[in-house]
Structure formats: structure tokens, C-alpha cells
N, C-alpha and C. Protein backbone atom coordinates (compact mmCIF):
# COMPACT_ATOMS: atom_id res chain seq x y z
N MET A 1 184.53 132.51 -121.97
CA MET A 1 184.31 132.68 -120.56
C MET A 1 182.85 133.05 -120.34
N TRP A 2 182.27 132.49 -119.29
CA TRP A 2 180.91 132.84 -118.88
C TRP A 2 180.96 133.46 -117.49
N VAL A 3 180.13 134.47 -117.25
CA VAL A 3 180.01 135.12 -115.95
C VAL A 3 178.56 135.00 -115.51
N PHE A 4 178.33 134.49 -114.29
CA PHE A 4 176.98 134.37 -113.75
C PHE A 4 176.69 135.55 -112.84
N GLY A 5 175.55 136.19 -113.05
CA GLY A 5 175.11 137.28 -112.20
C GLY A 5 173.80 136.94 -111.54
N TYR A 6 173.67 137.26 -110.26
CA TYR A 6 172.46 136.92 -109.50
C TYR A 6 171.86 138.13 -108.80
N GLY A 7 172.51 139.28 -108.88
CA GLY A 7 172.01 140.51 -108.28
C GLY A 7 171.85 141.56 -109.36
N SER A 8 172.50 142.70 -109.16
CA SER A 8 172.37 143.79 -110.13
C SER A 8 172.99 143.45 -111.48
N LEU A 9 173.86 142.46 -111.53
CA LEU A 9 174.42 142.05 -112.83
C LEU A 9 173.34 141.53 -113.77
N VAL A 10 172.21 141.10 -113.22
CA VAL A 10 171.13 140.58 -114.05
C VAL A 10 170.63 141.65 -115.01
N TRP A 11 170.52 142.88 -114.56
CA TRP A 11 169.98 143.94 -115.42
C TRP A 11 171.02 145.00 -115.79
N LYS A 12 172.21 144.97 -115.18
CA LYS A 12 173.22 145.99 -115.48
C LYS A 12 174.60 145.34 -115.45
N ALA A 13 174.96 144.70 -116.55
CA ALA A 13 176.24 143.99 -116.59
C ALA A 13 177.42 144.96 -116.47
N GLY A 14 177.40 146.01 -117.26
CA GLY A 14 178.50 146.97 -117.20
C GLY A 14 179.72 146.58 -118.01
N PHE A 15 179.60 145.54 -118.81
CA PHE A 15 180.69 145.10 -119.68
C PHE A 15 180.08 144.55 -120.96
N ASN A 16 180.91 144.45 -121.99
CA ASN A 16 180.45 143.91 -123.27
C ASN A 16 180.37 142.39 -123.20
N PHE A 17 179.36 141.82 -123.83
CA PHE A 17 179.21 140.37 -123.85
C PHE A 17 178.62 139.96 -125.19
N ASP A 18 178.79 138.69 -125.53
CA ASP A 18 178.31 138.17 -126.81
C ASP A 18 176.94 137.52 -126.72
N GLU A 19 176.62 137.00 -125.55
CA GLU A 19 175.35 136.29 -125.38
C GLU A 19 174.93 136.37 -123.92
N ARG A 20 173.62 136.39 -123.69
CA ARG A 20 173.06 136.42 -122.34
C ARG A 20 171.98 135.35 -122.25
N LEU A 21 172.07 134.50 -121.23
CA LEU A 21 171.08 133.45 -121.02
C LEU A 21 170.51 133.56 -119.61
N VAL A 22 169.23 133.33 -119.48
CA VAL A 22 168.58 133.28 -118.17
C VAL A 22 168.59 131.83 -117.70
N GLY A 23 168.88 131.64 -116.42
CA GLY A 23 168.91 130.29 -115.87
C GLY A 23 169.24 130.32 -114.40
N PHE A 24 169.77 129.21 -113.89
CA PHE A 24 170.01 129.10 -112.45
C PHE A 24 171.21 128.22 -112.16
N ILE A 25 171.69 128.36 -110.91
CA ILE A 25 172.70 127.46 -110.38
C ILE A 25 172.07 126.72 -109.21
N LYS A 26 172.58 125.55 -108.92
CA LYS A 26 172.02 124.73 -107.84
C LYS A 26 172.93 124.77 -106.61
N GLY A 27 172.30 124.59 -105.44
CA GLY A 27 173.07 124.49 -104.21
C GLY A 27 173.45 125.81 -103.57
N TYR A 28 172.85 126.90 -104.04
CA TYR A 28 173.09 128.23 -103.47
C TYR A 28 171.77 128.96 -103.31
N ARG A 29 171.77 129.92 -102.37
CA ARG A 29 170.60 130.80 -102.22
C ARG A 29 171.08 132.25 -102.14
N ARG A 30 170.23 133.15 -102.60
CA ARG A 30 170.49 134.59 -102.60
C ARG A 30 170.03 135.15 -101.25
N VAL A 31 170.92 135.89 -100.58
CA VAL A 31 170.59 136.49 -99.28
C VAL A 31 171.09 137.94 -99.25
N PHE A 32 170.50 138.73 -98.39
CA PHE A 32 170.89 140.13 -98.23
C PHE A 32 171.64 140.30 -96.91
N TYR A 33 172.74 139.56 -96.73
CA TYR A 33 173.53 139.59 -95.51
C TYR A 33 174.72 140.53 -95.59
N GLN A 34 175.22 140.77 -96.78
CA GLN A 34 176.46 141.51 -96.96
C GLN A 34 176.24 143.00 -96.71
N GLY A 35 177.01 143.58 -95.79
CA GLY A 35 176.96 145.01 -95.54
C GLY A 35 177.85 145.75 -96.52
N SER A 36 177.41 146.91 -96.97
CA SER A 36 178.18 147.69 -97.93
C SER A 36 178.23 149.15 -97.49
N THR A 37 179.44 149.71 -97.51
CA THR A 37 179.59 151.12 -97.17
C THR A 37 180.03 151.96 -98.36
N ASP A 38 180.41 151.32 -99.46
CA ASP A 38 180.95 152.10 -100.57
C ASP A 38 179.89 152.63 -101.53
N HIS A 39 178.83 151.90 -101.78
CA HIS A 39 177.80 152.41 -102.68
C HIS A 39 176.39 152.28 -102.11
N ARG A 40 176.30 151.79 -100.89
CA ARG A 40 175.02 151.76 -100.18
C ARG A 40 175.33 151.92 -98.70
N GLY A 41 174.61 152.76 -98.03
CA GLY A 41 174.80 152.89 -96.60
C GLY A 41 175.98 153.75 -96.21
N THR A 42 176.26 153.74 -94.90
CA THR A 42 177.36 154.51 -94.31
C THR A 42 178.14 153.59 -93.38
N PRO A 43 179.31 154.04 -92.89
CA PRO A 43 180.04 153.19 -91.93
C PRO A 43 179.20 152.85 -90.69
N GLU A 44 178.37 153.79 -90.25
CA GLU A 44 177.52 153.54 -89.08
C GLU A 44 176.35 152.62 -89.40
N PHE A 45 175.83 152.73 -90.61
CA PHE A 45 174.67 151.95 -91.04
C PHE A 45 174.92 151.37 -92.44
N PRO A 46 175.69 150.29 -92.51
CA PRO A 46 175.97 149.70 -93.83
C PRO A 46 174.68 149.28 -94.53
N GLY A 47 174.63 149.53 -95.82
CA GLY A 47 173.50 149.07 -96.61
C GLY A 47 173.62 147.58 -96.89
N ARG A 48 172.55 146.98 -97.28
CA ARG A 48 172.56 145.53 -97.56
C ARG A 48 172.67 145.30 -99.06
N THR A 49 173.53 144.38 -99.40
CA THR A 49 173.66 143.96 -100.79
C THR A 49 173.47 142.45 -100.87
N VAL A 50 173.14 142.00 -102.03
CA VAL A 50 172.86 140.58 -102.21
C VAL A 50 174.16 139.79 -102.32
N THR A 51 174.15 138.61 -101.76
CA THR A 51 175.29 137.70 -101.85
C THR A 51 174.75 136.27 -101.94
N LEU A 52 175.62 135.34 -102.21
CA LEU A 52 175.23 133.93 -102.27
C LEU A 52 175.79 133.21 -101.07
N GLU A 53 175.04 132.21 -100.61
CA GLU A 53 175.57 131.32 -99.59
C GLU A 53 175.22 129.89 -99.97
N PRO A 54 176.07 128.94 -99.58
CA PRO A 54 175.76 127.54 -99.87
C PRO A 54 174.42 127.16 -99.25
N ALA A 55 173.71 126.30 -99.94
CA ALA A 55 172.38 125.89 -99.50
C ALA A 55 172.20 124.40 -99.80
N ASP A 56 171.02 123.92 -99.52
CA ASP A 56 170.66 122.55 -99.84
C ASP A 56 170.92 122.31 -101.33
N PRO A 57 171.43 121.15 -101.70
CA PRO A 57 171.73 120.89 -103.12
C PRO A 57 170.53 121.04 -104.06
N HIS A 58 169.32 120.98 -103.52
CA HIS A 58 168.13 121.09 -104.36
C HIS A 58 167.64 122.54 -104.51
N GLU A 59 168.20 123.46 -103.71
CA GLU A 59 167.82 124.87 -103.87
C GLU A 59 168.49 125.44 -105.12
N VAL A 60 167.86 126.45 -105.70
CA VAL A 60 168.42 127.10 -106.88
C VAL A 60 168.45 128.60 -106.70
N CYS A 61 169.33 129.24 -107.42
CA CYS A 61 169.41 130.70 -107.47
C CYS A 61 169.35 131.10 -108.93
N TRP A 62 168.32 131.87 -109.27
CA TRP A 62 168.13 132.33 -110.65
C TRP A 62 169.01 133.54 -110.93
N GLY A 63 169.39 133.68 -112.18
CA GLY A 63 170.18 134.82 -112.60
C GLY A 63 170.38 134.81 -114.10
N ALA A 64 171.47 135.42 -114.52
CA ALA A 64 171.80 135.48 -115.94
C ALA A 64 173.27 135.15 -116.12
N ALA A 65 173.57 134.47 -117.21
CA ALA A 65 174.96 134.15 -117.55
C ALA A 65 175.33 134.91 -118.82
N TYR A 66 176.52 135.49 -118.80
CA TYR A 66 177.01 136.29 -119.92
C TYR A 66 178.22 135.62 -120.54
N LYS A 67 178.16 135.40 -121.84
CA LYS A 67 179.28 134.81 -122.57
C LYS A 67 180.16 135.93 -123.12
N ILE A 68 181.44 135.86 -122.81
CA ILE A 68 182.40 136.83 -123.30
C ILE A 68 183.46 136.04 -124.06
N THR A 69 183.53 136.23 -125.35
CA THR A 69 184.38 135.40 -126.20
C THR A 69 185.80 135.94 -126.35
N LYS A 70 185.92 137.22 -126.66
CA LYS A 70 187.23 137.80 -126.96
C LYS A 70 188.06 137.97 -125.68
N LYS A 71 189.32 137.56 -125.75
CA LYS A 71 190.23 137.64 -124.61
C LYS A 71 190.32 139.07 -124.07
N GLU A 72 190.41 140.04 -124.95
CA GLU A 72 190.50 141.44 -124.53
C GLU A 72 189.25 141.86 -123.76
N GLU A 73 188.08 141.47 -124.23
CA GLU A 73 186.82 141.80 -123.54
C GLU A 73 186.72 141.06 -122.21
N GLN A 74 187.26 139.85 -122.12
CA GLN A 74 187.27 139.11 -120.86
C GLN A 74 188.08 139.86 -119.81
N GLU A 75 189.24 140.33 -120.20
CA GLU A 75 190.10 141.07 -119.27
C GLU A 75 189.43 142.36 -118.81
N ILE A 76 188.78 143.06 -119.73
CA ILE A 76 188.06 144.29 -119.38
C ILE A 76 186.93 143.98 -118.41
N ALA A 77 186.18 142.92 -118.68
CA ALA A 77 185.06 142.53 -117.80
C ALA A 77 185.56 142.16 -116.41
N LEU A 78 186.63 141.38 -116.33
CA LEU A 78 187.15 140.98 -115.02
C LEU A 78 187.67 142.17 -114.24
N THR A 79 188.33 143.10 -114.91
CA THR A 79 188.80 144.32 -114.24
C THR A 79 187.61 145.12 -113.71
N HIS A 80 186.58 145.26 -114.53
CA HIS A 80 185.37 145.97 -114.12
C HIS A 80 184.74 145.30 -112.89
N LEU A 81 184.63 143.98 -112.92
CA LEU A 81 184.00 143.25 -111.82
C LEU A 81 184.83 143.30 -110.54
N GLU A 82 186.15 143.31 -110.66
CA GLU A 82 187.00 143.41 -109.47
C GLU A 82 186.79 144.73 -108.75
N VAL A 83 186.55 145.80 -109.50
CA VAL A 83 186.26 147.10 -108.88
C VAL A 83 184.83 147.11 -108.34
N ARG A 84 183.89 146.67 -109.14
CA ARG A 84 182.47 146.70 -108.77
C ARG A 84 182.16 145.81 -107.57
N GLU A 85 182.77 144.65 -107.51
CA GLU A 85 182.45 143.66 -106.49
C GLU A 85 183.51 143.60 -105.39
N LYS A 86 184.25 144.66 -105.19
CA LYS A 86 185.43 144.62 -104.33
C LYS A 86 185.20 144.19 -102.89
N GLN A 87 184.06 144.49 -102.31
CA GLN A 87 183.84 144.12 -100.92
C GLN A 87 183.39 142.67 -100.75
N TYR A 88 183.01 142.03 -101.81
CA TYR A 88 182.45 140.68 -101.67
C TYR A 88 182.73 139.83 -102.89
N ASP A 89 183.93 139.95 -103.40
CA ASP A 89 184.31 139.25 -104.62
C ASP A 89 184.79 137.84 -104.30
N LYS A 90 184.17 136.86 -104.94
CA LYS A 90 184.63 135.47 -104.85
C LYS A 90 184.35 134.82 -106.19
N LYS A 91 185.37 134.16 -106.70
CA LYS A 91 185.20 133.47 -107.99
C LYS A 91 185.06 131.98 -107.72
N ALA A 92 184.12 131.36 -108.41
CA ALA A 92 183.91 129.92 -108.27
C ALA A 92 183.38 129.38 -109.59
N TYR A 93 183.69 128.15 -109.86
CA TYR A 93 183.15 127.47 -111.03
C TYR A 93 181.89 126.74 -110.60
N VAL A 94 180.78 127.01 -111.28
CA VAL A 94 179.51 126.36 -110.97
C VAL A 94 178.85 125.91 -112.27
N ASP A 95 178.00 124.93 -112.16
CA ASP A 95 177.20 124.52 -113.32
C ASP A 95 176.03 125.48 -113.45
N PHE A 96 175.78 125.92 -114.66
CA PHE A 96 174.68 126.84 -114.96
C PHE A 96 173.66 126.11 -115.81
N PHE A 97 172.40 126.17 -115.40
CA PHE A 97 171.33 125.48 -116.11
C PHE A 97 170.41 126.51 -116.75
N THR A 98 170.14 126.34 -118.03
CA THR A 98 169.22 127.25 -118.71
C THR A 98 167.79 126.88 -118.35
N VAL A 99 166.87 127.70 -118.75
CA VAL A 99 165.46 127.49 -118.44
C VAL A 99 164.98 126.13 -118.94
N SER A 100 165.52 125.67 -120.05
CA SER A 100 165.08 124.40 -120.62
C SER A 100 165.72 123.19 -119.94
N TYR A 101 166.63 123.42 -118.98
CA TYR A 101 167.27 122.37 -118.19
C TYR A 101 168.24 121.49 -118.96
N HIS A 102 168.20 121.46 -120.28
CA HIS A 102 169.05 120.51 -120.99
C HIS A 102 170.45 121.04 -121.28
N GLU A 103 170.66 122.32 -121.07
CA GLU A 103 171.98 122.89 -121.33
C GLU A 103 172.68 123.19 -120.01
N ILE A 104 173.90 122.73 -119.89
CA ILE A 104 174.72 123.04 -118.72
C ILE A 104 176.00 123.68 -119.23
N PHE A 105 176.40 124.78 -118.59
CA PHE A 105 177.63 125.47 -118.98
C PHE A 105 178.62 125.42 -117.85
């Protein structure tokens, strides 16, 4: 299993992984539209967190992809991410391109 991170996951995964690659996905852009009251801001003044939105197919969003091989570690990572990303969790399959462009995951 691979997990793509485009915000704080880039520098703080919070789960065990076997490999980390820097690269990008196409057709999305990173925006600070999502309001957060649980770890940034207050109910009156929600803090801004990064999220993805669909974009022109030629736009890219840089980030990091984490490979998690063991089934047990995958379950732990998904549980961690469900708690961490609870206000804006969405799972999607996307093509990930490494810096060298020739590898797609």
C-alpha cells in the first residue's frame, strides 16, 4: 500500500513505513480552504488546513508517497490517519509520479 501526503504528512507521517519517495500527482492543487477547530483555531475562528481540490489536468501537487508493506502496519497507519484526518478524510486512487517522471505508482 502507498499513502500520498501533500501537507503535514510530508514531514510528519506518524506511522511506520518502508520507503518514502518525493513526487507529485496530476490534476489537483493544494489549497488552504478547509476550516479546522480540533487542532487549529476555535469554533468562532476555525484555523486553515491544507486540502486538495480538482484542478486542470496539467496542474500538479507535490508531496511524498509512503510505502507500507506489512498488513499489520497498513492497518495501524490507516487507523492513525482516520483519527488525524477526521475532519477532511477522503480516500482516492491517484497516479503518483516520482521526480524522474518515469515511475508511476
